[in-house]
Amino acid sequence: MRATSEIFRDAQILFTFLSSTETPPDTADIVLAMGSHDLNVADAAARAFFETHVEWLICNGGFSKDTAGVLTEPEGRRRLCHPVHL
């Protein structure tokens, strides 16, 4: 099990990255669609994937407190399959 200090350090790195107001770079190695029940996240990730021609589109997410018992499959799988239909 990871130490709490390591988890907080990683969370701070992620928070700093996600809250950045800098203009994003023109190129990327991956597109990461983070957990959300909103399929607009999948649409935006798919657009970024196809417009930037990156090699990887990564969708994550399981069942959250809002989607457990409501959705039949994990959020990440829903987002991964959704862009295929665009």
PDB file of N, CA and C in Angstrom:
ATOM      1  N   MET A   1       0.834  -1.174   0.000  1.00  0.00           N
ATOM      2  CA  MET A   1       0.000   0.000   0.000  1.00  0.00           C
ATOM      3  C   MET A   1       0.886   1.246   0.000  1.00  0.00           C
ATOM      4  N   ARG A   2       0.473   2.239  -0.787  1.00  0.00           N
ATOM      5  CA  ARG A   2       1.261   3.464  -0.895  1.00  0.00           C
ATOM      6  C   ARG A   2       1.077   4.339   0.330  1.00  0.00           C
ATOM      7  N   ALA A   3       2.125   5.054   0.650  1.00  0.00           N
ATOM      8  CA  ALA A   3       2.086   5.972   1.787  1.00  0.00           C
ATOM      9  C   ALA A   3       1.180   7.158   1.455  1.00  0.00           C
ATOM     10  N   THR A   4       0.522   7.668   2.465  1.00  0.00           N
ATOM     11  CA  THR A   4      -0.366   8.817   2.281  1.00  0.00           C
ATOM     12  C   THR A   4       0.381  10.004   1.695  1.00  0.00           C
ATOM     13  N   SER A   5       1.609  10.204   2.104  1.00  0.00           N
ATOM     14  CA  SER A   5       2.391  11.335   1.580  1.00  0.00           C
ATOM     15  C   SER A   5       2.617  11.196   0.070  1.00  0.00           C
ATOM     16  N   GLU A   6       2.811   9.983  -0.422  1.00  0.00           N
ATOM     17  CA  GLU A   6       2.978   9.757  -1.863  1.00  0.00           C
ATOM     18  C   GLU A   6       1.681  10.044  -2.607  1.00  0.00           C
ATOM     19  N   ILE A   7       0.576   9.622  -2.045  1.00  0.00           N
ATOM     20  CA  ILE A   7      -0.723   9.857  -2.673  1.00  0.00           C
ATOM     21  C   ILE A   7      -1.003  11.351  -2.764  1.00  0.00           C
ATOM     22  N   PHE A   8      -0.748  12.084  -1.669  1.00  0.00           N
ATOM     23  CA  PHE A   8      -0.956  13.534  -1.682  1.00  0.00           C
ATOM     24  C   PHE A   8      -0.019  14.224  -2.661  1.00  0.00           C
ATOM     25  N   ARG A   9       1.215  13.759  -2.756  1.00  0.00           N
ATOM     26  CA  ARG A   9       2.169  14.350  -3.708  1.00  0.00           C
ATOM     27  C   ARG A   9       1.656  14.161  -5.135  1.00  0.00           C
ATOM     28  N   ASP A  10       1.217  12.951  -5.469  1.00  0.00           N
ATOM     29  CA  ASP A  10       0.698  12.678  -6.809  1.00  0.00           C
ATOM     30  C   ASP A  10      -0.578  13.469  -7.085  1.00  0.00           C
ATOM     31  N   ALA A  11      -1.440  13.585  -6.082  1.00  0.00           N
ATOM     32  CA  ALA A  11      -2.670  14.363  -6.242  1.00  0.00           C
ATOM     33  C   ALA A  11      -2.350  15.824  -6.505  1.00  0.00           C
ATOM     34  N   GLN A  12      -1.344  16.362  -5.826  1.00  0.00           N
ATOM     35  CA  GLN A  12      -0.952  17.756  -6.029  1.00  0.00           C
ATOM     36  C   GLN A  12      -0.412  17.972  -7.435  1.00  0.00           C
ATOM     37  N   ILE A  13       0.373  17.038  -7.932  1.00  0.00           N
ATOM     38  CA  ILE A  13       0.898  17.135  -9.308  1.00  0.00           C
ATOM     39  C   ILE A  13      -0.251  17.145 -10.298  1.00  0.00           C
ATOM     40  N   LEU A  14      -1.205  16.248 -10.127  1.00  0.00           N
ATOM     41  CA  LEU A  14      -2.354  16.180 -11.026  1.00  0.00           C
ATOM     42  C   LEU A  14      -3.197  17.451 -10.932  1.00  0.00           C
ATOM     43  N   PHE A  15      -3.451  17.932  -9.719  1.00  0.00           N
ATOM     44  CA  PHE A  15      -4.230  19.152  -9.536  1.00  0.00           C
ATOM     45  C   PHE A  15      -3.546  20.334 -10.217  1.00  0.00           C
ATOM     46  N   THR A  16      -2.251  20.473 -10.046  1.00  0.00           N
ATOM     47  CA  THR A  16      -1.507  21.569 -10.655  1.00  0.00           C
ATOM     48  C   THR A  16      -1.618  21.506 -12.175  1.00  0.00           C
ATOM     49  N   PHE A  17      -1.496  20.309 -12.719  1.00  0.00           N
ATOM     50  CA  PHE A  17      -1.602  20.137 -14.172  1.00  0.00           C
ATOM     51  C   PHE A  17      -3.002  20.493 -14.662  1.00  0.00           C
ATOM     52  N   LEU A  18      -4.021  19.974 -13.995  1.00  0.00           N
ATOM     53  CA  LEU A  18      -5.397  20.178 -14.450  1.00  0.00           C
ATOM     54  C   LEU A  18      -5.886  21.610 -14.254  1.00  0.00           C
ATOM     55  N   SER A  19      -5.313  22.330 -13.311  1.00  0.00           N
ATOM     56  CA  SER A  19      -5.767  23.692 -13.062  1.00  0.00           C
ATOM     57  C   SER A  19      -4.921  24.738 -13.782  1.00  0.00           C
ATOM     58  N   SER A  20      -4.016  24.306 -14.616  1.00  0.00           N
ATOM     59  CA  SER A  20      -3.163  25.228 -15.360  1.00  0.00           C
ATOM     60  C   SER A  20      -3.998  26.070 -16.322  1.00  0.00           C
ATOM     61  N   THR A  21      -3.680  27.338 -16.420  1.00  0.00           N
ATOM     62  CA  THR A  21      -4.376  28.233 -17.351  1.00  0.00           C
ATOM     63  C   THR A  21      -3.531  28.526 -18.586  1.00  0.00           C
ATOM     64  N   GLU A  22      -2.406  27.859 -18.701  1.00  0.00           N
ATOM     65  CA  GLU A  22      -1.546  28.056 -19.864  1.00  0.00           C
ATOM     66  C   GLU A  22      -2.190  27.442 -21.105  1.00  0.00           C
ATOM     67  N   THR A  23      -1.863  27.983 -22.253  1.00  0.00           N
ATOM     68  CA  THR A  23      -2.332  27.419 -23.513  1.00  0.00           C
ATOM     69  C   THR A  23      -1.715  26.043 -23.687  1.00  0.00           C
ATOM     70  N   PRO A  24      -2.540  25.028 -23.993  1.00  0.00           N
ATOM     71  CA  PRO A  24      -1.993  23.683 -24.135  1.00  0.00           C
ATOM     72  C   PRO A  24      -1.068  23.583 -25.353  1.00  0.00           C
ATOM     73  N   PRO A  25      -0.153  22.644 -25.340  1.00  0.00           N
ATOM     74  CA  PRO A  25       0.753  22.481 -26.478  1.00  0.00           C
ATOM     75  C   PRO A  25      -0.001  22.017 -27.725  1.00  0.00           C
ATOM     76  N   ASP A  26       0.615  22.206 -28.882  1.00  0.00           N
ATOM     77  CA  ASP A  26      -0.005  21.802 -30.144  1.00  0.00           C
ATOM     78  C   ASP A  26       0.023  20.298 -30.354  1.00  0.00           C
ATOM     79  N   THR A  27       0.946  19.613 -29.706  1.00  0.00           N
ATOM     80  CA  THR A  27       1.058  18.164 -29.865  1.00  0.00           C
ATOM     81  C   THR A  27       0.932  17.483 -28.511  1.00  0.00           C
ATOM     82  N   ALA A  28       0.594  16.211 -28.558  1.00  0.00           N
ATOM     83  CA  ALA A  28       0.471  15.426 -27.331  1.00  0.00           C
ATOM     84  C   ALA A  28       0.796  13.975 -27.640  1.00  0.00           C
ATOM     85  N   ASP A  29       1.144  13.237 -26.596  1.00  0.00           N
ATOM     86  CA  ASP A  29       1.410  11.812 -26.752  1.00  0.00           C
ATOM     87  C   ASP A  29       0.141  10.991 -26.567  1.00  0.00           C
ATOM     88  N   ILE A  30      -0.752  11.462 -25.688  1.00  0.00           N
ATOM     89  CA  ILE A  30      -1.997  10.743 -25.410  1.00  0.00           C
ATOM     90  C   ILE A  30      -3.132  11.742 -25.206  1.00  0.00           C
ATOM     91  N   VAL A  31      -4.349  11.248 -25.328  1.00  0.00           N
ATOM     92  CA  VAL A  31      -5.536  11.977 -24.896  1.00  0.00           C
ATOM     93  C   VAL A  31      -6.129  11.145 -23.763  1.00  0.00           C
ATOM     94  N   LEU A  32      -6.346  11.777 -22.624  1.00  0.00           N
ATOM     95  CA  LEU A  32      -6.871  11.082 -21.449  1.00  0.00           C
ATOM     96  C   LEU A  32      -8.260  11.615 -21.134  1.00  0.00           C
ATOM     97  N   ALA A  33      -9.267  10.751 -21.227  1.00  0.00           N
ATOM     98  CA  ALA A  33     -10.642  11.108 -20.867  1.00  0.00           C
ATOM     99  C   ALA A  33     -10.879  10.592 -19.457  1.00  0.00           C
ATOM    100  N   MET A  34     -10.912  11.518 -18.500  1.00  0.00           N
ATOM    101  CA  MET A  34     -11.034  11.117 -17.104  1.00  0.00           C
ATOM    102  C   MET A  34     -12.498  10.927 -16.717  1.00  0.00           C
ATOM    103  N   GLY A  35     -12.698  10.136 -15.666  1.00  0.00           N
ATOM    104  CA  GLY A  35     -14.012   9.727 -15.206  1.00  0.00           C
ATOM    105  C   GLY A  35     -15.087  10.796 -15.219  1.00  0.00           C
ATOM    106  N   SER A  36     -16.197  10.486 -15.862  1.00  0.00           N
ATOM    107  CA  SER A  36     -17.375  11.350 -15.885  1.00  0.00           C
ATOM    108  C   SER A  36     -18.516  10.565 -16.498  1.00  0.00           C
ATOM    109  N   HIS A  37     -19.714  10.772 -15.976  1.00  0.00           N
ATOM    110  CA  HIS A  37     -20.876  10.114 -16.571  1.00  0.00           C
ATOM    111  C   HIS A  37     -21.371  10.883 -17.790  1.00  0.00           C
ATOM    112  N   ASP A  38     -20.829  12.079 -18.010  1.00  0.00           N
ATOM    113  CA  ASP A  38     -21.219  12.940 -19.116  1.00  0.00           C
ATOM    114  C   ASP A  38     -20.491  12.508 -20.383  1.00  0.00           C
ATOM    115  N   LEU A  39     -21.224  12.037 -21.382  1.00  0.00           N
ATOM    116  CA  LEU A  39     -20.591  11.562 -22.614  1.00  0.00           C
ATOM    117  C   LEU A  39     -20.016  12.696 -23.460  1.00  0.00           C
ATOM    118  N   ASN A  40     -20.277  13.948 -23.086  1.00  0.00           N
ATOM    119  CA  ASN A  40     -19.614  15.058 -23.774  1.00  0.00           C
ATOM    120  C   ASN A  40     -18.107  15.004 -23.553  1.00  0.00           C
ATOM    121  N   VAL A  41     -17.683  14.428 -22.433  1.00  0.00           N
ATOM    122  CA  VAL A  41     -16.250  14.226 -22.179  1.00  0.00           C
ATOM    123  C   VAL A  41     -15.681  13.304 -23.259  1.00  0.00           C
ATOM    124  N   ALA A  42     -16.408  12.247 -23.570  1.00  0.00           N
ATOM    125  CA  ALA A  42     -15.965  11.312 -24.615  1.00  0.00           C
ATOM    126  C   ALA A  42     -15.915  11.996 -25.968  1.00  0.00           C
ATOM    127  N   ASP A  43     -16.914  12.835 -26.261  1.00  0.00           N
ATOM    128  CA  ASP A  43     -16.924  13.557 -27.533  1.00  0.00           C
ATOM    129  C   ASP A  43     -15.711  14.477 -27.658  1.00  0.00           C
ATOM    130  N   ALA A  44     -15.424  15.227 -26.593  1.00  0.00           N
ATOM    131  CA  ALA A  44     -14.274  16.142 -26.613  1.00  0.00           C
ATOM    132  C   ALA A  44     -12.972  15.360 -26.746  1.00  0.00           C
ATOM    133  N   ALA A  45     -12.863  14.235 -26.045  1.00  0.00           N
ATOM    134  CA  ALA A  45     -11.651  13.412 -26.131  1.00  0.00           C
ATOM    135  C   ALA A  45     -11.484  12.844 -27.538  1.00  0.00           C
ATOM    136  N   ALA A  46     -12.575  12.398 -28.138  1.00  0.00           N
ATOM    137  CA  ALA A  46     -12.505  11.847 -29.492  1.00  0.00           C
ATOM    138  C   ALA A  46     -12.088  12.921 -30.493  1.00  0.00           C
ATOM    139  N   ARG A  47     -12.664  14.125 -30.348  1.00  0.00           N
ATOM    140  CA  ARG A  47     -12.262  15.216 -31.245  1.00  0.00           C
ATOM    141  C   ARG A  47     -10.773  15.514 -31.097  1.00  0.00           C
ATOM    142  N   ALA A  48     -10.304  15.598 -29.863  1.00  0.00           N
ATOM    143  CA  ALA A  48      -8.880  15.866 -29.632  1.00  0.00           C
ATOM    144  C   ALA A  48      -8.027  14.749 -30.215  1.00  0.00           C
ATOM    145  N   PHE A  49      -8.476  13.517 -30.050  1.00  0.00           N
ATOM    146  CA  PHE A  49      -7.743  12.364 -30.564  1.00  0.00           C
ATOM    147  C   PHE A  49      -7.600  12.443 -32.086  1.00  0.00           C
ATOM    148  N   PHE A  50      -8.710  12.677 -32.772  1.00  0.00           N
ATOM    149  CA  PHE A  50      -8.682  12.686 -34.234  1.00  0.00           C
ATOM    150  C   PHE A  50      -8.039  13.947 -34.797  1.00  0.00           C
ATOM    151  N   GLU A  51      -8.186  15.069 -34.123  1.00  0.00           N
ATOM    152  CA  GLU A  51      -7.616  16.321 -34.625  1.00  0.00           C
ATOM    153  C   GLU A  51      -6.109  16.399 -34.418  1.00  0.00           C
ATOM    154  N   THR A  52      -5.596  15.765 -33.369  1.00  0.00           N
ATOM    155  CA  THR A  52      -4.163  15.855 -33.091  1.00  0.00           C
ATOM    156  C   THR A  52      -3.395  14.635 -33.574  1.00  0.00           C
ATOM    157  N   HIS A  53      -4.100  13.600 -33.982  1.00  0.00           N
ATOM    158  CA  HIS A  53      -3.470  12.383 -34.502  1.00  0.00           C
ATOM    159  C   HIS A  53      -2.517  11.732 -33.494  1.00  0.00           C
ATOM    160  N   VAL A  54      -2.906  11.739 -32.230  1.00  0.00           N
ATOM    161  CA  VAL A  54      -2.091  11.057 -31.233  1.00  0.00           C
ATOM    162  C   VAL A  54      -2.308   9.556 -31.371  1.00  0.00           C
ATOM    163  N   GLU A  55      -1.423   8.782 -30.789  1.00  0.00           N
ATOM    164  CA  GLU A  55      -1.506   7.333 -30.914  1.00  0.00           C
ATOM    165  C   GLU A  55      -2.441   6.678 -29.900  1.00  0.00           C
ATOM    166  N   TRP A  56      -2.687   7.346 -28.762  1.00  0.00           N
ATOM    167  CA  TRP A  56      -3.445   6.710 -27.685  1.00  0.00           C
ATOM    168  C   TRP A  56      -4.601   7.582 -27.211  1.00  0.00           C
ATOM    169  N   LEU A  57      -5.767   6.966 -27.088  1.00  0.00           N
ATOM    170  CA  LEU A  57      -6.917   7.566 -26.425  1.00  0.00           C
ATOM    171  C   LEU A  57      -7.207   6.678 -25.223  1.00  0.00           C
ATOM    172  N   ILE A  58      -7.029   7.225 -24.030  1.00  0.00           N
ATOM    173  CA  ILE A  58      -7.204   6.444 -22.806  1.00  0.00           C
ATOM    174  C   ILE A  58      -8.445   6.945 -22.084  1.00  0.00           C
ATOM    175  N   CYS A  59      -9.381   6.049 -21.830  1.00  0.00           N
ATOM    176  CA  CYS A  59     -10.607   6.369 -21.100  1.00  0.00           C
ATOM    177  C   CYS A  59     -10.575   5.620 -19.780  1.00  0.00           C
ATOM    178  N   ASN A  60     -10.817   6.337 -18.684  1.00  0.00           N
ATOM    179  CA  ASN A  60     -10.831   5.662 -17.389  1.00  0.00           C
ATOM    180  C   ASN A  60     -12.138   5.942 -16.673  1.00  0.00           C
ATOM    181  N   GLY A  61     -12.364   5.231 -15.609  1.00  0.00           N
ATOM    182  CA  GLY A  61     -13.553   5.441 -14.794  1.00  0.00           C
ATOM    183  C   GLY A  61     -14.273   4.131 -14.540  1.00  0.00           C
ATOM    184  N   GLY A  62     -14.811   4.034 -13.371  1.00  0.00           N
ATOM    185  CA  GLY A  62     -15.575   2.847 -12.982  1.00  0.00           C
ATOM    186  C   GLY A  62     -16.999   3.258 -12.690  1.00  0.00           C
ATOM    187  N   PHE A  63     -17.499   2.827 -11.568  1.00  0.00           N
ATOM    188  CA  PHE A  63     -18.819   3.229 -11.124  1.00  0.00           C
ATOM    189  C   PHE A  63     -18.631   4.226  -9.987  1.00  0.00           C
ATOM    190  N   SER A  64     -19.207   5.401 -10.134  1.00  0.00           N
ATOM    191  CA  SER A  64     -19.095   6.412  -9.089  1.00  0.00           C
ATOM    192  C   SER A  64     -20.331   6.373  -8.201  1.00  0.00           C
ATOM    193  N   LYS A  65     -20.342   7.217  -7.195  1.00  0.00           N
ATOM    194  CA  LYS A  65     -21.519   7.283  -6.315  1.00  0.00           C
ATOM    195  C   LYS A  65     -22.747   7.725  -7.093  1.00  0.00           C
ATOM    196  N   ASP A  66     -22.550   8.442  -8.194  1.00  0.00           N
ATOM    197  CA  ASP A  66     -23.673   8.902  -9.008  1.00  0.00           C
ATOM    198  C   ASP A  66     -24.134   7.870 -10.035  1.00  0.00           C
ATOM    199  N   THR A  67     -23.233   6.975 -10.434  1.00  0.00           N
ATOM    200  CA  THR A  67     -23.581   6.039 -11.510  1.00  0.00           C
ATOM    201  C   THR A  67     -23.759   4.599 -11.051  1.00  0.00           C
ATOM    202  N   ALA A  68     -23.307   4.274  -9.853  1.00  0.00           N
ATOM    203  CA  ALA A  68     -23.473   2.903  -9.344  1.00  0.00           C
ATOM    204  C   ALA A  68     -24.961   2.603  -9.237  1.00  0.00           C
ATOM    205  N   GLY A  69     -25.361   1.497  -9.810  1.00  0.00           N
ATOM    206  CA  GLY A  69     -26.766   1.106  -9.775  1.00  0.00           C
ATOM    207  C   GLY A  69     -27.600   1.741 -10.872  1.00  0.00           C
ATOM    208  N   VAL A  70     -27.019   2.720 -11.597  1.00  0.00           N
ATOM    209  CA  VAL A  70     -27.746   3.392 -12.680  1.00  0.00           C
ATOM    210  C   VAL A  70     -27.236   2.907 -14.030  1.00  0.00           C
ATOM    211  N   LEU A  71     -25.906   2.868 -14.170  1.00  0.00           N
ATOM    212  CA  LEU A  71     -25.300   2.425 -15.427  1.00  0.00           C
ATOM    213  C   LEU A  71     -25.070   0.920 -15.396  1.00  0.00           C
ATOM    214  N   THR A  72     -25.085   0.311 -16.572  1.00  0.00           N
ATOM    215  CA  THR A  72     -24.863  -1.131 -16.658  1.00  0.00           C
ATOM    216  C   THR A  72     -23.411  -1.492 -16.925  1.00  0.00           C
ATOM    217  N   GLU A  73     -22.605  -0.507 -17.292  1.00  0.00           N
ATOM    218  CA  GLU A  73     -21.182  -0.750 -17.531  1.00  0.00           C
ATOM    219  C   GLU A  73     -20.381   0.426 -16.996  1.00  0.00           C
ATOM    220  N   PRO A  74     -19.102   0.205 -16.680  1.00  0.00           N
ATOM    221  CA  PRO A  74     -18.267   1.276 -16.111  1.00  0.00           C
ATOM    222  C   PRO A  74     -18.181   2.484 -17.037  1.00  0.00           C
ATOM    223  N   GLU A  75     -17.983   3.652 -16.426  1.00  0.00           N
ATOM    224  CA  GLU A  75     -17.911   4.896 -17.184  1.00  0.00           C
ATOM    225  C   GLU A  75     -16.826   4.861 -18.258  1.00  0.00           C
ATOM    226  N   GLY A  76     -15.669   4.308 -17.934  1.00  0.00           N
ATOM    227  CA  GLY A  76     -14.568   4.246 -18.900  1.00  0.00           C
ATOM    228  C   GLY A  76     -14.938   3.458 -20.136  1.00  0.00           C
ATOM    229  N   ARG A  77     -15.633   2.349 -19.976  1.00  0.00           N
ATOM    230  CA  ARG A  77     -16.054   1.536 -21.128  1.00  0.00           C
ATOM    231  C   ARG A  77     -17.097   2.293 -21.950  1.00  0.00           C
ATOM    232  N   ARG A  78     -18.012   2.975 -21.302  1.00  0.00           N
ATOM    233  CA  ARG A  78     -19.013   3.762 -22.028  1.00  0.00           C
ATOM    234  C   ARG A  78     -18.323   4.819 -22.870  1.00  0.00           C
ATOM    235  N   ARG A  79     -17.329   5.509 -22.293  1.00  0.00           N
ATOM    236  CA  ARG A  79     -16.631   6.560 -23.033  1.00  0.00           C
ATOM    237  C   ARG A  79     -15.766   5.989 -24.135  1.00  0.00           C
ATOM    238  N   LEU A  80     -15.180   4.847 -23.895  1.00  0.00           N
ATOM    239  CA  LEU A  80     -14.338   4.233 -24.914  1.00  0.00           C
ATOM    240  C   LEU A  80     -15.173   3.826 -26.121  1.00  0.00           C
ATOM    241  N   CYS A  81     -16.339   3.277 -25.890  1.00  0.00           N
ATOM    242  CA  CYS A  81     -17.198   2.816 -26.984  1.00  0.00           C
ATOM    243  C   CYS A  81     -17.937   3.964 -27.670  1.00  0.00           C
ATOM    244  N   HIS A  82     -18.242   5.020 -26.942  1.00  0.00           N
ATOM    245  CA  HIS A  82     -19.030   6.126 -27.502  1.00  0.00           C
ATOM    246  C   HIS A  82     -18.375   6.775 -28.719  1.00  0.00           C
ATOM    247  N   PRO A  83     -17.076   7.149 -28.688  1.00  0.00           N
ATOM    248  CA  PRO A  83     -16.481   7.817 -29.848  1.00  0.00           C
ATOM    249  C   PRO A  83     -16.486   6.953 -31.106  1.00  0.00           C
ATOM    250  N   VAL A  84     -16.558   5.648 -30.954  1.00  0.00           N
ATOM    251  CA  VAL A  84     -16.588   4.763 -32.121  1.00  0.00           C
ATOM    252  C   VAL A  84     -17.803   5.075 -32.984  1.00  0.00           C
ATOM    253  N   HIS A  85     -18.872   5.553 -32.344  1.00  0.00           N
ATOM    254  CA  HIS A  85     -20.111   5.827 -33.063  1.00  0.00           C
ATOM    255  C   HIS A  85     -20.167   7.228 -33.646  1.00  0.00           C
ATOM    256  N   LEU A  86     -19.148   8.052 -33.421  1.00  0.00           N
ATOM    257  CA  LEU A  86     -19.170   9.432 -33.936  1.00  0.00           C
ATOM    258  C   LEU A  86     -18.856   9.477 -35.405  1.00  0.00           C
TER     259      LEU A  86
END
